[in-house]
Amino acid sequence: MKKLFLLLLITTFCFSQEKGLTVSQIDSIAKTSKNKIQSSGVIKKNKKTIGGFNSTEIFSNDKLVYSTYEENYNDKKRKLNYFFEFYFSNDNPVLTNIYIIKTDIKTKIEERFETNLNENKIHSFKEIENPFSIKLRNKLNSLLIDYLNNKNTE
């Protein structure tokens, strides 16, 4: 009987270790983690700085659990800020939040767009509809491919 109990206990413990993290657990890890990789840079066009970008990746147990990517562009009429927030479970994206803010430089009027994509929508081929007619699917896929390529090179 003791052996059976021990076997069940070990089996339950082993399977519980493969369980994916919840969004709130990932948020807690992101707030307290010291396992961060951060990068940033500028975006230039014709030798003139027109924007910038930054990204953060947070790991737990050597697995990517949270990542952000922000990009901003300026031109004479408007400012455009993109913000992508990714939640991963077992190195697979399970939730993506996308925020876009478009600001008219002259009038200071802001237009905002926000969407949340679950795992099915993340892997869909359908374009992500938004009021700015920005091709977000291409950007999202590009970022996910970068994460996968970085994971495979480790």
Foldseek 3Di string as FASTA:
>chain_A
DVVVVVVVVVVVVVVVVLDWDDPVVLVVCVVPPPQKDKDKDFDDDPNHTFWMKMKMFGDDPNETAKMKIKIWGDDPFKIKIKIWIFGDTPNATAKIKIKMWIAGPVVRDIDIDIDMDGRVRLPDPDADDDPVPDRVNVVSVVVSVVSVVVVVVD
